[in-house]
Protein backbone atom coordinates (compact mmCIF):
# COMPACT_ATOMS: atom_id res chain seq x y z
CA MET A 1 -24.02 71.00 166.85
CA SER A 2 -26.10 72.54 163.89
CA ALA A 3 -29.71 73.32 164.14
CA ALA A 4 -30.59 71.03 161.31
CA ARG A 5 -29.36 68.04 163.40
CA ILE A 6 -31.59 68.95 166.41
CA LEU A 7 -35.14 67.73 166.61
CA GLN A 8 -37.15 69.63 169.25
CA SER A 9 -40.56 68.59 170.64
CA ASP A 10 -42.25 69.24 173.91
CA PHE A 11 -43.08 66.10 176.12
CA LYS A 12 -46.54 66.06 177.74
CA TYR A 13 -47.34 63.79 180.58
CA GLU A 14 -50.81 62.98 182.14
CA ILE A 15 -50.50 61.73 185.69
CA VAL A 16 -52.66 58.65 186.30
CA ARG A 17 -52.03 57.62 189.99
CA LYS A 18 -49.43 57.61 192.80
CA ILE A 19 -47.43 54.39 192.73
CA PHE A 20 -44.89 54.84 195.62
CA GLU A 21 -44.11 57.53 198.15
CA GLY A 22 -40.69 57.54 199.63
CA GLY A 23 -38.80 59.78 202.02
CA MET A 24 -37.37 61.96 199.34
CA GLY A 25 -39.52 61.64 196.38
CA VAL A 26 -42.87 60.42 194.96
CA VAL A 27 -43.37 58.09 191.94
CA TYR A 28 -46.49 58.40 189.73
CA GLU A 29 -47.75 56.36 186.80
CA ALA A 30 -48.23 58.57 183.97
CA LYS A 31 -49.08 58.62 180.16
CA GLN A 32 -46.57 60.19 177.95
CA LEU A 33 -48.66 61.86 175.19
CA GLY A 34 -47.55 62.45 171.49
CA ALA A 35 -48.80 63.18 168.03
CA ARG A 36 -51.96 61.48 166.49
CA GLY A 37 -53.02 59.80 169.86
CA PHE A 38 -49.62 58.38 170.76
CA SER A 39 -49.62 57.33 174.40
CA LYS A 40 -46.94 55.47 176.32
CA ARG A 41 -47.10 54.42 180.05
CA VAL A 42 -44.29 55.71 182.07
CA ALA A 43 -43.25 56.49 185.64
CA ILE A 44 -42.49 59.98 186.81
CA LYS A 45 -40.26 60.58 189.91
CA VAL A 46 -40.80 63.93 191.48
CA ILE A 47 -38.81 65.53 194.24
CA ARG A 48 -40.71 65.97 197.63
CA GLU A 49 -41.61 69.57 198.59
CA ARG A 50 -39.02 69.86 201.35
CA PHE A 51 -36.11 68.92 199.16
CA ALA A 52 -37.22 70.85 195.98
CA ARG A 53 -35.44 74.04 197.12
CA GLN A 54 -32.16 72.37 198.42
CA PRO A 55 -29.45 73.19 195.78
CA GLU A 56 -27.39 70.25 196.80
CA PHE A 57 -30.25 67.86 196.54
CA ILE A 58 -31.35 69.10 193.19
CA GLU A 59 -27.80 68.72 191.78
CA ASN A 60 -27.74 65.12 192.91
CA PHE A 61 -31.16 64.46 191.48
CA ILE A 62 -30.02 65.77 188.11
CA GLY A 63 -26.74 63.71 188.66
CA GLU A 64 -28.73 60.50 189.15
CA ALA A 65 -30.73 61.11 185.99
CA ARG A 66 -27.45 61.74 183.97
CA LEU A 67 -25.75 58.72 185.51
CA VAL A 68 -28.60 56.18 184.83
CA ALA A 69 -29.52 57.55 181.42
CA ASP A 70 -26.80 55.34 179.85
CA LEU A 71 -27.37 52.24 182.12
CA ILE A 72 -29.30 50.34 179.48
CA HIS A 73 -29.78 46.82 180.87
CA THR A 74 -32.63 44.36 181.22
CA ASN A 75 -32.04 44.13 185.13
CA ILE A 76 -32.01 48.05 185.59
CA VAL A 77 -34.87 50.31 185.41
CA GLN A 78 -34.31 52.53 182.40
CA THR A 79 -34.48 56.37 182.54
CA TYR A 80 -35.89 58.22 179.55
CA HIS A 81 -35.99 61.91 180.37
CA LEU A 82 -35.04 64.66 182.75
CA ALA A 83 -37.23 67.79 182.77
CA GLU A 84 -38.29 70.79 184.78
CA ASP A 85 -41.90 72.08 185.43
CA ARG A 86 -41.93 75.62 186.85
CA GLY A 87 -38.87 75.10 188.91
CA SER A 88 -39.72 71.50 190.08
CA TRP A 89 -37.48 68.78 188.61
CA PHE A 90 -38.73 65.22 187.56
CA ILE A 91 -37.36 62.19 185.93
CA CYS A 92 -39.32 60.16 183.43
CA MET A 93 -38.60 56.47 183.75
CA GLU A 94 -39.48 52.94 182.56
CA TYR A 95 -42.97 51.79 184.00
CA ILE A 96 -42.74 48.52 185.77
CA ARG A 97 -46.15 46.82 185.87
CA GLY A 98 -45.57 44.95 189.07
CA VAL A 99 -44.40 45.37 192.66
CA ASN A 100 -41.20 45.92 194.63
CA LEU A 101 -39.64 43.04 196.47
CA ASP A 102 -40.48 44.48 199.82
CA GLU A 103 -44.23 44.65 198.82
CA MET A 104 -43.99 40.94 197.48
CA MET A 105 -42.41 39.70 200.75
CA THR A 106 -45.26 41.36 202.91
CA ARG A 107 -47.85 39.93 200.60
CA LEU A 108 -46.31 36.37 201.10
CA GLN A 109 -46.21 36.86 204.86
CA LEU A 110 -49.81 37.95 205.01
CA SER A 111 -50.88 35.09 203.07
CA GLY A 112 -48.93 32.40 204.78
CA ARG A 113 -47.07 31.48 201.55
CA ALA A 114 -43.35 30.89 201.21
CA LEU A 115 -40.98 31.96 198.36
CA PRO A 116 -39.42 28.78 196.92
CA PRO A 117 -35.63 28.82 197.50
CA GLU A 118 -34.79 28.61 193.91
CA LEU A 119 -36.80 31.65 193.14
CA ALA A 120 -35.08 33.56 195.93
CA VAL A 121 -31.68 32.76 194.21
CA PHE A 122 -33.01 33.49 190.82
CA ILE A 123 -34.22 37.18 192.04
CA VAL A 124 -30.65 37.78 193.61
CA SER A 125 -28.94 36.51 190.49
CA ARG A 126 -30.79 39.09 188.47
CA ILE A 127 -29.71 41.66 190.91
CA ALA A 128 -26.11 40.54 190.54
CA ARG A 129 -26.59 40.70 186.75
CA GLY A 130 -27.56 44.41 186.97
CA LEU A 131 -24.87 45.18 189.39
CA ALA A 132 -22.25 43.57 187.20
CA TYR A 133 -23.22 45.77 184.34
CA ALA A 134 -23.33 48.98 186.49
CA HIS A 135 -20.08 48.29 188.13
CA SER A 136 -18.22 47.86 184.84
CA LYS A 137 -19.85 50.92 183.11
CA THR A 138 -17.33 53.38 181.61
CA ASP A 139 -17.58 56.76 180.36
CA PRO A 140 -17.28 57.49 176.56
CA GLU A 141 -13.43 57.64 176.85
CA GLY A 142 -13.44 54.14 178.45
CA ARG A 143 -12.71 55.32 181.94
CA PRO A 144 -14.40 53.24 184.74
CA LEU A 145 -17.17 55.34 186.40
CA GLY A 146 -16.74 53.44 189.62
CA ILE A 147 -20.49 53.18 190.18
CA VAL A 148 -21.60 51.55 193.72
CA HIS A 149 -25.39 51.68 194.14
CA ARG A 150 -25.13 51.74 198.01
CA ASP A 151 -28.78 51.22 198.64
CA ILE A 152 -29.52 47.59 197.38
CA SER A 153 -32.62 46.64 199.46
CA PRO A 154 -36.00 45.10 198.89
CA LYS A 155 -37.68 48.36 198.16
CA ASN A 156 -35.32 49.17 195.29
CA ILE A 157 -35.92 45.93 193.55
CA MET A 158 -38.75 45.79 191.18
CA LEU A 159 -40.54 42.66 190.13
CA ALA A 160 -42.60 42.76 186.84
CA PHE A 161 -45.75 40.54 186.48
CA GLU A 162 -44.02 39.28 183.35
CA GLY A 163 -41.01 38.00 185.65
CA ASP A 164 -38.40 40.59 184.99
CA VAL A 165 -36.39 41.70 188.05
CA LYS A 166 -34.95 45.25 188.08
CA VAL A 167 -32.71 47.33 190.17
CA THR A 168 -33.90 50.84 190.59
CA ASP A 169 -33.11 54.23 192.50
CA PHE A 170 -29.55 55.08 192.08
CA GLY A 171 -30.26 58.29 194.16
CA ILE A 172 -27.43 57.69 196.67
CA ALA A 173 -24.93 55.89 194.42
CA LYS A 174 -21.49 57.19 193.94
CA ALA A 175 -19.96 57.64 190.52
CA ARG A 176 -17.12 59.70 189.34
CA GLY A 177 -18.27 63.04 188.11
CA PHE A 178 -22.00 62.61 188.57
CA LEU A 179 -23.09 63.02 192.20
CA THR A 180 -21.84 64.91 195.25
CA ASP A 181 -20.33 62.34 197.58
CA LYS A 182 -19.41 62.85 201.30
CA GLU A 183 -18.42 59.23 201.98
CA GLY A 184 -16.57 58.94 205.14
CA GLU A 185 -18.22 62.00 206.70
CA GLU A 186 -21.80 60.90 206.26
CA VAL A 187 -23.64 57.53 205.88
CA ALA A 188 -26.30 56.81 203.28
CA GLY A 189 -28.54 53.91 202.75
CA LYS A 190 -30.96 51.66 204.78
CA PRO A 191 -28.85 50.54 207.92
CA GLU A 192 -30.09 46.78 208.02
CA TYR A 193 -28.81 46.31 204.41
CA MET A 194 -25.58 48.21 204.70
CA SER A 195 -22.18 46.50 204.36
CA PRO A 196 -19.86 46.72 207.32
CA GLU A 197 -17.60 49.20 205.67
CA GLN A 198 -20.64 51.34 204.72
CA ALA A 199 -22.00 51.19 208.31
CA ASP A 200 -18.66 52.10 209.74
CA PHE A 201 -18.41 55.39 207.66
CA LYS A 202 -15.62 53.97 205.46
CA ILE A 203 -15.15 54.29 201.70
CA THR A 204 -16.95 51.64 199.67
CA ASP A 205 -16.37 49.90 196.50
CA LYS A 206 -18.48 47.43 194.39
CA ARG A 207 -18.02 44.74 197.03
CA SER A 208 -20.27 46.63 199.42
CA ASP A 209 -23.16 46.17 197.08
CA LEU A 210 -22.61 42.39 196.99
CA PHE A 211 -22.80 42.27 200.83
CA SER A 212 -26.22 44.01 200.60
CA ALA A 213 -27.34 41.53 198.01
CA GLY A 214 -26.27 38.79 200.37
CA VAL A 215 -28.44 40.46 203.10
CA VAL A 216 -31.38 40.45 200.77
CA LEU A 217 -30.88 36.55 199.71
CA SER A 218 -30.58 35.64 203.38
CA GLN A 219 -33.79 37.42 204.12
CA LEU A 220 -35.67 35.88 201.20
CA LEU A 221 -34.61 32.42 202.32
CA THR A 222 -35.09 32.63 206.20
CA GLY A 223 -37.92 35.28 206.37
CA GLN A 224 -35.84 37.61 208.63
CA ASN A 225 -33.26 40.44 208.27
CA LEU A 226 -30.10 39.40 210.19
CA PHE A 227 -29.37 43.03 211.27
CA ARG A 228 -32.59 44.78 211.74
CA ALA A 229 -32.83 46.58 215.24
CA ASP A 230 -35.14 49.06 216.77
CA THR A 231 -32.92 52.13 215.71
CA PRO A 232 -30.72 52.85 212.79
CA GLU A 233 -27.67 53.02 215.13
CA GLY A 234 -28.78 49.57 216.45
CA SER A 235 -28.96 48.14 212.96
CA ARG A 236 -25.47 49.48 211.99
CA GLU A 237 -24.02 47.99 215.14
CA ARG A 238 -25.44 44.71 214.35
CA VAL A 239 -24.03 44.88 210.82
CA LEU A 240 -20.62 45.43 212.39
CA SER A 241 -20.79 42.83 215.20
CA THR A 242 -23.63 40.19 214.81
CA PRO A 243 -22.12 36.86 214.20
CA ILE A 244 -23.13 35.41 210.57
CA PRO A 245 -24.94 32.30 211.46
CA ASP A 246 -25.04 28.86 209.96
CA PHE A 247 -28.00 29.25 207.59
CA GLN A 248 -28.64 25.54 207.56
CA GLU A 249 -29.49 25.67 211.30
CA LEU A 250 -31.74 28.67 210.80
CA CYS A 251 -33.46 26.99 207.78
CA PRO A 252 -33.03 23.36 207.17
CA THR A 253 -34.15 23.53 203.59
CA ILE A 254 -31.15 25.69 202.62
CA GLU A 255 -28.54 23.42 200.87
CA PRO A 256 -24.96 23.20 202.00
CA ARG A 257 -23.64 24.82 198.70
CA LEU A 258 -26.23 27.86 199.28
CA ASN A 259 -25.07 28.17 202.74
CA GLN A 260 -21.43 28.54 201.61
CA ILE A 261 -22.46 31.15 198.94
CA LEU A 262 -24.18 33.11 201.75
CA GLN A 263 -21.19 32.90 204.08
CA ARG A 264 -18.89 34.29 201.39
CA ALA A 265 -21.29 37.18 200.27
CA LEU A 266 -21.70 38.35 203.83
CA HIS A 267 -18.07 38.08 204.74
CA ARG A 268 -16.88 41.06 206.70
CA ASP A 269 -13.32 40.66 205.36
CA LEU A 270 -13.35 42.29 201.97
CA ALA A 271 -10.55 40.13 200.75
CA LEU A 272 -12.75 36.91 201.48
CA ARG A 273 -15.95 38.36 200.02
CA TYR A 274 -16.97 37.89 196.35
CA GLN A 275 -14.78 40.23 194.53
CA THR A 276 -17.02 41.10 191.57
CA ALA A 277 -20.72 40.80 190.86
CA ASP A 278 -19.83 38.53 187.83
CA GLU A 279 -18.16 36.03 190.33
CA PHE A 280 -21.21 36.15 192.57
CA LEU A 281 -23.61 35.74 189.52
CA TYR A 282 -21.71 32.61 188.48
CA GLU A 283 -22.05 30.93 191.83
CA LEU A 284 -25.78 31.75 192.11
CA GLU A 285 -26.61 30.66 188.41
CA HIS A 286 -24.46 27.59 188.83
CA PHE A 287 -26.49 26.64 191.93
CA ILE A 288 -29.79 26.92 190.36
CA TYR A 289 -28.93 25.58 186.82
CA HIS A 290 -26.26 22.96 187.48
CA ARG A 291 -28.81 20.32 187.40
CA GLY A 292 -29.80 21.20 183.79
CA TYR A 293 -32.94 23.03 184.36
CA GLY A 294 -33.97 25.99 186.73
CA PRO A 295 -36.16 29.06 187.21
CA THR A 296 -36.71 31.52 184.32
CA ASN A 297 -38.48 34.93 183.87
CA GLU A 298 -41.56 32.97 183.07
CA THR A 299 -41.31 30.90 186.25
CA MET A 300 -40.88 34.07 188.30
CA GLY A 301 -43.78 35.75 186.37
CA ARG A 302 -46.15 32.92 186.92
CA PHE A 303 -45.39 32.79 190.69
CA LEU A 304 -45.91 36.46 191.18
CA ARG A 305 -49.17 36.44 189.21
CA GLN A 306 -50.51 33.65 191.34
CA VAL A 307 -49.63 35.57 194.43
CA TYR A 308 -51.32 38.71 193.36
CA ASP A 309 -54.11 36.88 191.47
CA THR A 310 -53.61 38.78 188.25
CA THR A 311 -52.95 37.98 184.60
CA PRO A 312 -50.24 39.31 182.23
CA THR A 313 -52.74 41.79 180.66
CA ALA A 314 -54.66 42.88 183.76
CA PRO A 315 -53.77 46.05 185.36
CA PRO A 316 -51.89 45.79 188.78
CA PRO A 317 -53.67 45.64 192.00
CA SER A 318 -54.87 49.22 192.97
CA SER A 319 -55.87 50.26 196.53
CA THR A 320 -57.61 53.18 195.16
CA SER A 321 -60.29 51.19 193.20
CA VAL A 322 -61.67 49.04 196.04
CA THR A 323 -63.60 49.99 199.24
CA GLU A 324 -61.44 47.61 201.28
CA ARG A 325 -57.78 47.73 201.23
CA ARG A 326 -54.75 46.81 203.21
CA SER A 327 -52.27 49.17 204.87
CA ALA A 328 -48.57 48.70 204.89
CA ALA A 329 -48.76 47.15 208.29
CA GLY A 330 -51.07 44.54 206.88
CA LYS A 331 -54.30 45.71 208.73
CA THR A 332 -57.57 45.88 206.82
CA VAL A 333 -58.95 49.41 206.32
CA ARG A 334 -62.53 49.52 205.39
CA SER A 335 -64.40 52.60 203.86
CA PRO A 336 -67.22 53.96 206.21
CA ALA A 337 -70.50 52.30 205.67
CA ALA A 338 -73.27 54.39 203.86
CA PRO A 339 -75.79 56.13 206.17
CA ALA A 340 -79.06 54.25 206.43
CA ALA A 341 -81.58 57.09 206.55
CA GLU A 342 -82.45 59.09 203.40
CA ARG A 343 -82.33 62.33 205.52
CA THR A 344 -78.75 61.46 206.57
CA LYS A 345 -77.77 60.97 202.79
CA SER A 346 -79.23 64.31 202.02
CA VAL A 347 -77.17 66.03 204.57
CA THR A 348 -74.10 64.06 203.60
CA ARG A 349 -74.47 65.02 200.06
CA THR A 350 -75.06 68.76 201.03
CA GLN A 351 -71.86 68.64 203.23
CA SER A 352 -70.01 67.06 200.34
CA ARG A 353 -71.01 69.73 197.86
CA THR A 354 -70.13 72.48 200.48
CA GLN A 355 -66.76 70.94 201.11
CA THR A 356 -66.10 70.60 197.39
CA GLN A 357 -66.94 74.28 196.95
CA VAL A 358 -64.57 75.21 199.68
CA ARG A 359 -61.70 73.23 198.17
CA ALA A 360 -62.34 74.79 194.81
CA GLN A 361 -62.20 78.30 196.41
CA THR A 362 -59.05 77.56 198.20
CA ARG A 363 -57.44 76.36 195.19
CA LYS A 364 -58.24 79.59 193.39
CA VAL A 365 -56.78 81.55 196.19
CA ALA A 366 -53.69 79.62 197.06
CA LYS A 367 -52.23 77.78 193.96
CA PRO A 368 -49.89 74.79 194.79
CA GLN A 369 -46.33 75.72 194.57
CA SER A 370 -44.47 72.58 194.09
CA LEU A 371 -44.91 69.89 191.53
CA VAL A 372 -45.96 67.35 194.03
CA GLU A 373 -48.65 69.71 195.36
CA ARG A 374 -49.90 70.54 191.81
CA ILE A 375 -50.22 66.73 191.04
CA LYS A 376 -52.04 66.14 194.41
CA SER A 377 -54.52 68.83 193.54
CA ARG A 378 -55.17 67.22 190.06
CA LEU A 379 -55.63 63.66 191.52
CA LYS A 380 -58.36 64.78 193.91
């Protein structure tokens, strides 16, 4: 390509706060800065320190970015940019002002609220829409990529306060020519959301994702995961052997037709399971819309904003901006009370200044090596 057809410009990102910390990476909210005061909110996904020097992991991280770069769909979190900062790789992604599905489920449980069944079906129908698009994706020559997400679970489903539902994290997906795949030798994914073939170290196809989506739907409707055990091995064994229940007996509010949809989505026989995400999507949407009216993005957004007591223009709840916050386990964590005596205050301020000086000196002596460490030092 001629130089005249290439536009080159450096991207600059200002890290704002940490959004999520997973086993392999950390996601931050950031501002993408441009000319004349341009600013755009984005999410930055950075590899954790212990994986940053593993060549195979780096190649898969790059492969994930290349794979999802062309997955442009309203129900998939979009990827904008792949970059490197002094040997550390990161992905710039669409910023979702909201929460993941796991966080919402925990919030509902703590508040004693229930998710309306029609919204549970709505959420999974949008997951199915995103999967239908990804499963049918082809390369520029029209050859199917054979994408299988392999990690459909509540933590990988984003809910925007405006009501959008988006699938994210294709980090362990398989797709022809993009990611290293040891399927059959290794098992990847969250055990309690795996399909039977995935849990049994077998080769998977797109129907595996539909089983996982069925597990998510059953959990949203009943409030429990069918296959969760005390250990990963126990969860995989339950995926392989636990009888699929009559969901109407578990939850009387589940209608007979919805029970049938769940039974088919969770069928262990691949031939009797939904064969495509489009087929699954049709059944879900027919269920919620066949009466002539059903939930929309606006319905979903309104419910979510009520749960989190926020408005469309307000910033999302942040645990770093209050003195009282809740941990992931739901326990209340309070900041220490201020000392009562003025003398104690003076000592505390002196100690604080000393600690600040020590930290500053330490940073001068030993500069952070990884991108995650450098970001942590800037956020202090």
